[in-house]
Amino acid sequence: MSDPTGGTGRRSYEGRTITVTFEAGRCRHATECVRGLPEVFDTARRPWIRPDAADAARVAEVVRRCPSGALRYERADGEEEPGRLSS
């Protein structure tokens, strides 16, 4: 069976205005994302990240709160915070 993450453990969840990436191996389960935007980050759903469920600015704000850096984002409009985009 092939690894859909390309061996990195990183998955991308693409929305219309923002793409959120999640790297499972870095996650420390602080639940900042789930508490911050439960309509976007819901571990009981598949996919568990739905970037279009909130405004891109709000999604980016919550992603920046991720203490481990497991969550990152890239906005379609090019707005970014230095050091938070996945490379």
PDB file of N, CA and C in Angstrom:
ATOM      1  N   MET A   1       0.845  -1.172   0.000  1.00  0.00           N
ATOM      2  CA  MET A   1       0.000   0.000   0.000  1.00  0.00           C
ATOM      3  C   MET A   1       0.895   1.241   0.000  1.00  0.00           C
ATOM      4  N   SER A   2       0.537   2.242  -0.815  1.00  0.00           N
ATOM      5  CA  SER A   2       1.358   3.449  -0.874  1.00  0.00           C
ATOM      6  C   SER A   2       0.937   4.438   0.209  1.00  0.00           C
ATOM      7  N   ASP A   3       1.869   5.262   0.626  1.00  0.00           N
ATOM      8  CA  ASP A   3       1.632   6.266   1.661  1.00  0.00           C
ATOM      9  C   ASP A   3       1.154   7.551   0.991  1.00  0.00           C
ATOM     10  N   PRO A   4      -0.112   7.994   1.235  1.00  0.00           N
ATOM     11  CA  PRO A   4      -0.626   9.195   0.586  1.00  0.00           C
ATOM     12  C   PRO A   4       0.066  10.472   1.039  1.00  0.00           C
ATOM     13  N   THR A   5       0.858  10.400   2.087  1.00  0.00           N
ATOM     14  CA  THR A   5       1.557  11.591   2.573  1.00  0.00           C
ATOM     15  C   THR A   5       2.956  11.705   1.975  1.00  0.00           C
ATOM     16  N   GLY A   6       3.319  10.770   1.120  1.00  0.00           N
ATOM     17  CA  GLY A   6       4.642  10.811   0.511  1.00  0.00           C
ATOM     18  C   GLY A   6       5.752  10.523   1.505  1.00  0.00           C
ATOM     19  N   GLY A   7       5.428   9.843   2.610  1.00  0.00           N
ATOM     20  CA  GLY A   7       6.433   9.497   3.602  1.00  0.00           C
ATOM     21  C   GLY A   7       6.698  10.589   4.622  1.00  0.00           C
ATOM     22  N   THR A   8       6.088  11.754   4.473  1.00  0.00           N
ATOM     23  CA  THR A   8       6.340  12.863   5.390  1.00  0.00           C
ATOM     24  C   THR A   8       5.370  12.893   6.554  1.00  0.00           C
ATOM     25  N   GLY A   9       4.240  12.180   6.445  1.00  0.00           N
ATOM     26  CA  GLY A   9       3.209  12.272   7.466  1.00  0.00           C
ATOM     27  C   GLY A   9       2.431  13.561   7.372  1.00  0.00           C
ATOM     28  N   ARG A  10       2.661  14.305   6.316  1.00  0.00           N
ATOM     29  CA  ARG A  10       2.020  15.614   6.130  1.00  0.00           C
ATOM     30  C   ARG A  10       0.894  15.498   5.108  1.00  0.00           C
ATOM     31  N   ARG A  11      -0.272  15.995   5.486  1.00  0.00           N
ATOM     32  CA  ARG A  11      -1.420  16.007   4.581  1.00  0.00           C
ATOM     33  C   ARG A  11      -1.866  17.440   4.360  1.00  0.00           C
ATOM     34  N   SER A  12      -2.353  17.705   3.160  1.00  0.00           N
ATOM     35  CA  SER A  12      -2.872  19.031   2.823  1.00  0.00           C
ATOM     36  C   SER A  12      -4.378  18.972   2.680  1.00  0.00           C
ATOM     37  N   TYR A  13      -5.023  20.013   3.176  1.00  0.00           N
ATOM     38  CA  TYR A  13      -6.480  20.162   3.095  1.00  0.00           C
ATOM     39  C   TYR A  13      -6.728  21.488   2.386  1.00  0.00           C
ATOM     40  N   GLU A  14      -7.091  21.388   1.122  1.00  0.00           N
ATOM     41  CA  GLU A  14      -7.199  22.576   0.278  1.00  0.00           C
ATOM     42  C   GLU A  14      -8.606  23.156   0.304  1.00  0.00           C
ATOM     43  N   GLY A  15      -8.670  24.444   0.573  1.00  0.00           N
ATOM     44  CA  GLY A  15      -9.914  25.190   0.505  1.00  0.00           C
ATOM     45  C   GLY A  15      -9.838  26.175  -0.642  1.00  0.00           C
ATOM     46  N   ARG A  16     -10.888  26.944  -0.814  1.00  0.00           N
ATOM     47  CA  ARG A  16     -10.901  27.939  -1.898  1.00  0.00           C
ATOM     48  C   ARG A  16      -9.903  29.064  -1.656  1.00  0.00           C
ATOM     49  N   THR A  17      -9.752  29.486  -0.397  1.00  0.00           N
ATOM     50  CA  THR A  17      -8.915  30.648  -0.097  1.00  0.00           C
ATOM     51  C   THR A  17      -7.709  30.343   0.775  1.00  0.00           C
ATOM     52  N   ILE A  18      -7.656  29.142   1.344  1.00  0.00           N
ATOM     53  CA  ILE A  18      -6.540  28.773   2.212  1.00  0.00           C
ATOM     54  C   ILE A  18      -6.354  27.257   2.171  1.00  0.00           C
ATOM     55  N   THR A  19      -5.109  26.834   2.198  1.00  0.00           N
ATOM     56  CA  THR A  19      -4.772  25.414   2.305  1.00  0.00           C
ATOM     57  C   THR A  19      -4.088  25.209   3.647  1.00  0.00           C
ATOM     58  N   VAL A  20      -4.563  24.229   4.390  1.00  0.00           N
ATOM     59  CA  VAL A  20      -3.983  23.905   5.696  1.00  0.00           C
ATOM     60  C   VAL A  20      -3.257  22.578   5.563  1.00  0.00           C
ATOM     61  N   THR A  21      -2.029  22.526   6.067  1.00  0.00           N
ATOM     62  CA  THR A  21      -1.291  21.267   6.092  1.00  0.00           C
ATOM     63  C   THR A  21      -1.152  20.824   7.541  1.00  0.00           C
ATOM     64  N   PHE A  22      -1.174  19.505   7.725  1.00  0.00           N
ATOM     65  CA  PHE A  22      -1.070  18.903   9.051  1.00  0.00           C
ATOM     66  C   PHE A  22      -0.014  17.819   9.003  1.00  0.00           C
ATOM     67  N   GLU A  23       0.934  17.898   9.930  1.00  0.00           N
ATOM     68  CA  GLU A  23       1.992  16.898  10.043  1.00  0.00           C
ATOM     69  C   GLU A  23       1.786  16.131  11.355  1.00  0.00           C
ATOM     70  N   ALA A  24       1.210  14.941  11.230  1.00  0.00           N
ATOM     71  CA  ALA A  24       0.800  14.153  12.398  1.00  0.00           C
ATOM     72  C   ALA A  24       1.942  13.895  13.378  1.00  0.00           C
ATOM     73  N   GLY A  25       3.127  13.653  12.888  1.00  0.00           N
ATOM     74  CA  GLY A  25       4.258  13.344  13.754  1.00  0.00           C
ATOM     75  C   GLY A  25       4.686  14.483  14.654  1.00  0.00           C
ATOM     76  N   ARG A  26       4.308  15.705  14.313  1.00  0.00           N
ATOM     77  CA  ARG A  26       4.660  16.874  15.130  1.00  0.00           C
ATOM     78  C   ARG A  26       3.586  17.232  16.144  1.00  0.00           C
ATOM     79  N   CYS A  27       2.373  16.743  15.952  1.00  0.00           N
ATOM     80  CA  CYS A  27       1.229  17.142  16.774  1.00  0.00           C
ATOM     81  C   CYS A  27       1.416  16.715  18.225  1.00  0.00           C
ATOM     82  N   ARG A  28       1.133  17.629  19.158  1.00  0.00           N
ATOM     83  CA  ARG A  28       1.221  17.353  20.598  1.00  0.00           C
ATOM     84  C   ARG A  28      -0.158  17.349  21.247  1.00  0.00           C
ATOM     85  N   HIS A  29      -1.202  17.383  20.433  1.00  0.00           N
ATOM     86  CA  HIS A  29      -2.591  17.273  20.887  1.00  0.00           C
ATOM     87  C   HIS A  29      -2.963  18.314  21.938  1.00  0.00           C
ATOM     88  N   ALA A  30      -2.544  19.546  21.720  1.00  0.00           N
ATOM     89  CA  ALA A  30      -2.884  20.649  22.621  1.00  0.00           C
ATOM     90  C   ALA A  30      -4.320  21.125  22.380  1.00  0.00           C
ATOM     91  N   THR A  31      -4.919  20.721  21.283  1.00  0.00           N
ATOM     92  CA  THR A  31      -6.294  21.029  20.863  1.00  0.00           C
ATOM     93  C   THR A  31      -6.577  22.516  20.675  1.00  0.00           C
ATOM     94  N   GLU A  32      -5.553  23.319  20.462  1.00  0.00           N
ATOM     95  CA  GLU A  32      -5.766  24.738  20.172  1.00  0.00           C
ATOM     96  C   GLU A  32      -6.634  24.906  18.932  1.00  0.00           C
ATOM     97  N   CYS A  33      -6.437  24.066  17.955  1.00  0.00           N
ATOM     98  CA  CYS A  33      -7.202  24.161  16.712  1.00  0.00           C
ATOM     99  C   CYS A  33      -8.667  23.823  16.935  1.00  0.00           C
ATOM    100  N   VAL A  34      -8.921  22.728  17.613  1.00  0.00           N
ATOM    101  CA  VAL A  34     -10.291  22.260  17.851  1.00  0.00           C
ATOM    102  C   VAL A  34     -11.051  23.272  18.703  1.00  0.00           C
ATOM    103  N   ARG A  35     -10.416  23.788  19.722  1.00  0.00           N
ATOM    104  CA  ARG A  35     -11.075  24.793  20.576  1.00  0.00           C
ATOM    105  C   ARG A  35     -11.254  26.111  19.844  1.00  0.00           C
ATOM    106  N   GLY A  36     -10.301  26.457  18.996  1.00  0.00           N
ATOM    107  CA  GLY A  36     -10.345  27.742  18.307  1.00  0.00           C
ATOM    108  C   GLY A  36     -11.380  27.814  17.202  1.00  0.00           C
ATOM    109  N   LEU A  37     -11.517  26.752  16.419  1.00  0.00           N
ATOM    110  CA  LEU A  37     -12.466  26.725  15.296  1.00  0.00           C
ATOM    111  C   LEU A  37     -13.004  25.309  15.125  1.00  0.00           C
ATOM    112  N   PRO A  38     -13.918  24.898  15.978  1.00  0.00           N
ATOM    113  CA  PRO A  38     -14.437  23.534  15.880  1.00  0.00           C
ATOM    114  C   PRO A  38     -15.181  23.259  14.575  1.00  0.00           C
ATOM    115  N   GLU A  39     -15.664  24.294  13.910  1.00  0.00           N
ATOM    116  CA  GLU A  39     -16.322  24.088  12.623  1.00  0.00           C
ATOM    117  C   GLU A  39     -15.331  23.744  11.515  1.00  0.00           C
ATOM    118  N   VAL A  40     -14.068  24.066  11.710  1.00  0.00           N
ATOM    119  CA  VAL A  40     -13.011  23.742  10.742  1.00  0.00           C
ATOM    120  C   VAL A  40     -12.255  22.488  11.166  1.00  0.00           C
ATOM    121  N   PHE A  41     -11.911  22.403  12.439  1.00  0.00           N
ATOM    122  CA  PHE A  41     -11.098  21.302  12.963  1.00  0.00           C
ATOM    123  C   PHE A  41     -11.974  20.408  13.838  1.00  0.00           C
ATOM    124  N   ASP A  42     -12.368  19.271  13.304  1.00  0.00           N
ATOM    125  CA  ASP A  42     -13.264  18.355  14.028  1.00  0.00           C
ATOM    126  C   ASP A  42     -12.735  16.939  13.840  1.00  0.00           C
ATOM    127  N   THR A  43     -12.127  16.396  14.878  1.00  0.00           N
ATOM    128  CA  THR A  43     -11.492  15.081  14.781  1.00  0.00           C
ATOM    129  C   THR A  43     -12.490  13.940  14.622  1.00  0.00           C
ATOM    130  N   ALA A  44     -13.769  14.198  14.812  1.00  0.00           N
ATOM    131  CA  ALA A  44     -14.791  13.161  14.632  1.00  0.00           C
ATOM    132  C   ALA A  44     -15.243  13.044  13.175  1.00  0.00           C
ATOM    133  N   ARG A  45     -14.846  13.986  12.325  1.00  0.00           N
ATOM    134  CA  ARG A  45     -15.238  13.984  10.908  1.00  0.00           C
ATOM    135  C   ARG A  45     -14.071  13.551  10.029  1.00  0.00           C
ATOM    136  N   ARG A  46     -14.392  13.162   8.826  1.00  0.00           N
ATOM    137  CA  ARG A  46     -13.393  12.895   7.792  1.00  0.00           C
ATOM    138  C   ARG A  46     -13.808  13.625   6.535  1.00  0.00           C
ATOM    139  N   PRO A  47     -13.005  14.463   5.955  1.00  0.00           N
ATOM    140  CA  PRO A  47     -11.715  14.888   6.503  1.00  0.00           C
ATOM    141  C   PRO A  47     -11.922  15.735   7.758  1.00  0.00           C
ATOM    142  N   TRP A  48     -10.949  15.700   8.642  1.00  0.00           N
ATOM    143  CA  TRP A  48     -11.109  16.388   9.929  1.00  0.00           C
ATOM    144  C   TRP A  48     -10.824  17.874   9.848  1.00  0.00           C
ATOM    145  N   ILE A  49     -10.190  18.307   8.756  1.00  0.00           N
ATOM    146  CA  ILE A  49      -9.942  19.735   8.541  1.00  0.00           C
ATOM    147  C   ILE A  49     -10.732  20.167   7.316  1.00  0.00           C
ATOM    148  N   ARG A  50     -11.584  21.170   7.495  1.00  0.00           N
ATOM    149  CA  ARG A  50     -12.393  21.735   6.404  1.00  0.00           C
ATOM    150  C   ARG A  50     -12.135  23.236   6.338  1.00  0.00           C
ATOM    151  N   PRO A  51     -11.118  23.637   5.568  1.00  0.00           N
ATOM    152  CA  PRO A  51     -10.693  25.037   5.539  1.00  0.00           C
ATOM    153  C   PRO A  51     -11.776  26.021   5.115  1.00  0.00           C
ATOM    154  N   ASP A  52     -12.725  25.602   4.312  1.00  0.00           N
ATOM    155  CA  ASP A  52     -13.756  26.521   3.834  1.00  0.00           C
ATOM    156  C   ASP A  52     -14.878  26.758   4.840  1.00  0.00           C
ATOM    157  N   ALA A  53     -14.823  26.141   5.995  1.00  0.00           N
ATOM    158  CA  ALA A  53     -15.880  26.297   6.998  1.00  0.00           C
ATOM    159  C   ALA A  53     -15.768  27.610   7.779  1.00  0.00           C
ATOM    160  N   ALA A  54     -14.719  28.389   7.537  1.00  0.00           N
ATOM    161  CA  ALA A  54     -14.545  29.687   8.198  1.00  0.00           C
ATOM    162  C   ALA A  54     -13.732  30.588   7.274  1.00  0.00           C
ATOM    163  N   ASP A  55     -13.713  31.844   7.593  1.00  0.00           N
ATOM    164  CA  ASP A  55     -12.944  32.839   6.848  1.00  0.00           C
ATOM    165  C   ASP A  55     -11.447  32.504   6.926  1.00  0.00           C
ATOM    166  N   ALA A  56     -10.746  32.705   5.815  1.00  0.00           N
ATOM    167  CA  ALA A  56      -9.314  32.368   5.748  1.00  0.00           C
ATOM    168  C   ALA A  56      -8.502  33.066   6.829  1.00  0.00           C
ATOM    169  N   ALA A  57      -8.829  34.301   7.147  1.00  0.00           N
ATOM    170  CA  ALA A  57      -8.082  35.026   8.184  1.00  0.00           C
ATOM    171  C   ALA A  57      -8.254  34.362   9.548  1.00  0.00           C
ATOM    172  N   ARG A  58      -9.445  33.891   9.848  1.00  0.00           N
ATOM    173  CA  ARG A  58      -9.681  33.209  11.121  1.00  0.00           C
ATOM    174  C   ARG A  58      -8.966  31.871  11.157  1.00  0.00           C
ATOM    175  N   VAL A  59      -8.996  31.137  10.040  1.00  0.00           N
ATOM    176  CA  VAL A  59      -8.295  29.849   9.979  1.00  0.00           C
ATOM    177  C   VAL A  59      -6.805  30.076  10.203  1.00  0.00           C
ATOM    178  N   ALA A  60      -6.231  31.068   9.527  1.00  0.00           N
ATOM    179  CA  ALA A  60      -4.803  31.362   9.678  1.00  0.00           C
ATOM    180  C   ALA A  60      -4.477  31.734  11.118  1.00  0.00           C
ATOM    181  N   GLU A  61      -5.326  32.522  11.758  1.00  0.00           N
ATOM    182  CA  GLU A  61      -5.113  32.921  13.143  1.00  0.00           C
ATOM    183  C   GLU A  61      -5.056  31.707  14.071  1.00  0.00           C
ATOM    184  N   VAL A  62      -5.968  30.773  13.892  1.00  0.00           N
ATOM    185  CA  VAL A  62      -5.986  29.577  14.736  1.00  0.00           C
ATOM    186  C   VAL A  62      -4.790  28.674  14.428  1.00  0.00           C
ATOM    187  N   VAL A  63      -4.437  28.533  13.165  1.00  0.00           N
ATOM    188  CA  VAL A  63      -3.276  27.711  12.797  1.00  0.00           C
ATOM    189  C   VAL A  63      -2.005  28.272  13.437  1.00  0.00           C
ATOM    190  N   ARG A  64      -1.888  29.597  13.477  1.00  0.00           N
ATOM    191  CA  ARG A  64      -0.701  30.215  14.101  1.00  0.00           C
ATOM    192  C   ARG A  64      -0.600  29.904  15.588  1.00  0.00           C
ATOM    193  N   ARG A  65      -1.698  29.532  16.235  1.00  0.00           N
ATOM    194  CA  ARG A  65      -1.680  29.185  17.662  1.00  0.00           C
ATOM    195  C   ARG A  65      -1.161  27.770  17.918  1.00  0.00           C
ATOM    196  N   CYS A  66      -0.973  26.981  16.884  1.00  0.00           N
ATOM    197  CA  CYS A  66      -0.530  25.599  17.058  1.00  0.00           C
ATOM    198  C   CYS A  66       0.860  25.597  17.697  1.00  0.00           C
ATOM    199  N   PRO A  67       0.982  25.100  18.931  1.00  0.00           N
ATOM    200  CA  PRO A  67       2.258  25.186  19.635  1.00  0.00           C
ATOM    201  C   PRO A  67       3.360  24.297  19.066  1.00  0.00           C
ATOM    202  N   SER A  68       3.003  23.245  18.371  1.00  0.00           N
ATOM    203  CA  SER A  68       4.009  22.319  17.853  1.00  0.00           C
ATOM    204  C   SER A  68       4.439  22.630  16.425  1.00  0.00           C
ATOM    205  N   GLY A  69       3.661  23.434  15.725  1.00  0.00           N
ATOM    206  CA  GLY A  69       3.950  23.686  14.313  1.00  0.00           C
ATOM    207  C   GLY A  69       3.436  22.580  13.405  1.00  0.00           C
ATOM    208  N   ALA A  70       2.609  21.684  13.948  1.00  0.00           N
ATOM    209  CA  ALA A  70       2.047  20.596  13.135  1.00  0.00           C
ATOM    210  C   ALA A  70       1.086  21.133  12.081  1.00  0.00           C
ATOM    211  N   LEU A  71       0.461  22.253  12.374  1.00  0.00           N
ATOM    212  CA  LEU A  71      -0.434  22.899  11.414  1.00  0.00           C
ATOM    213  C   LEU A  71       0.281  24.084  10.781  1.00  0.00           C
ATOM    214  N   ARG A  72       0.103  24.200   9.497  1.00  0.00           N
ATOM    215  CA  ARG A  72       0.643  25.330   8.735  1.00  0.00           C
ATOM    216  C   ARG A  72      -0.388  25.706   7.694  1.00  0.00           C
ATOM    217  N   TYR A  73      -0.212  26.852   7.089  1.00  0.00           N
ATOM    218  CA  TYR A  73      -1.183  27.280   6.091  1.00  0.00           C
ATOM    219  C   TYR A  73      -0.513  28.030   4.955  1.00  0.00           C
ATOM    220  N   GLU A  74      -1.247  28.093   3.865  1.00  0.00           N
ATOM    221  CA  GLU A  74      -0.867  28.915   2.727  1.00  0.00           C
ATOM    222  C   GLU A  74      -2.148  29.510   2.180  1.00  0.00           C
ATOM    223  N   ARG A  75      -2.192  30.835   2.111  1.00  0.00           N
ATOM    224  CA  ARG A  75      -3.387  31.512   1.628  1.00  0.00           C
ATOM    225  C   ARG A  75      -3.303  31.717   0.133  1.00  0.00           C
ATOM    226  N   ALA A  76      -4.418  31.569  -0.536  1.00  0.00           N
ATOM    227  CA  ALA A  76      -4.477  31.735  -1.988  1.00  0.00           C
ATOM    228  C   ALA A  76      -4.191  33.176  -2.393  1.00  0.00           C
ATOM    229  N   ASP A  77      -4.485  34.131  -1.496  1.00  0.00           N
ATOM    230  CA  ASP A  77      -4.258  35.543  -1.810  1.00  0.00           C
ATOM    231  C   ASP A  77      -2.819  35.979  -1.561  1.00  0.00           C
ATOM    232  N   GLY A  78      -1.983  35.053  -1.113  1.00  0.00           N
ATOM    233  CA  GLY A  78      -0.571  35.356  -0.900  1.00  0.00           C
ATOM    234  C   GLY A  78      -0.244  35.935   0.462  1.00  0.00           C
ATOM    235  N   GLU A  79      -1.262  36.276   1.270  1.00  0.00           N
ATOM    236  CA  GLU A  79      -1.006  36.786   2.617  1.00  0.00           C
ATOM    237  C   GLU A  79      -0.357  35.668   3.418  1.00  0.00           C
ATOM    238  N   GLU A  80       0.625  36.011   4.206  1.00  0.00           N
ATOM    239  CA  GLU A  80       1.310  34.994   4.987  1.00  0.00           C
ATOM    240  C   GLU A  80       1.952  35.585   6.213  1.00  0.00           C
ATOM    241  N   GLU A  81       2.278  34.729   7.132  1.00  0.00           N
ATOM    242  CA  GLU A  81       3.083  35.108   8.282  1.00  0.00           C
ATOM    243  C   GLU A  81       4.421  34.419   8.098  1.00  0.00           C
ATOM    244  N   PRO A  82       5.516  35.155   8.155  1.00  0.00           N
ATOM    245  CA  PRO A  82       6.837  34.547   7.951  1.00  0.00           C
ATOM    246  C   PRO A  82       7.065  33.354   8.866  1.00  0.00           C
ATOM    247  N   GLY A  83       7.600  32.291   8.289  1.00  0.00           N
ATOM    248  CA  GLY A  83       7.970  31.118   9.064  1.00  0.00           C
ATOM    249  C   GLY A  83       6.846  30.136   9.321  1.00  0.00           C
ATOM    250  N   ARG A  84       5.629  30.402   8.850  1.00  0.00           N
ATOM    251  CA  ARG A  84       4.530  29.503   9.137  1.00  0.00           C
ATOM    252  C   ARG A  84       4.083  28.699   7.938  1.00  0.00           C
ATOM    253  N   LEU A  85       4.603  28.951   6.775  1.00  0.00           N
ATOM    254  CA  LEU A  85       4.206  28.199   5.599  1.00  0.00           C
ATOM    255  C   LEU A  85       4.985  26.910   5.518  1.00  0.00           C
ATOM    256  N   SER A  86       4.327  25.886   5.015  1.00  0.00           N
ATOM    257  CA  SER A  86       5.036  24.626   4.812  1.00  0.00           C
ATOM    258  C   SER A  86       5.944  24.766   3.614  1.00  0.00           C
ATOM    259  N   SER A  87       7.083  24.127   3.677  1.00  0.00           N
ATOM    260  CA  SER A  87       8.014  24.234   2.555  1.00  0.00           C
ATOM    261  C   SER A  87       8.127  22.939   1.825  1.00  0.00           C
TER     262      SER A  87
END
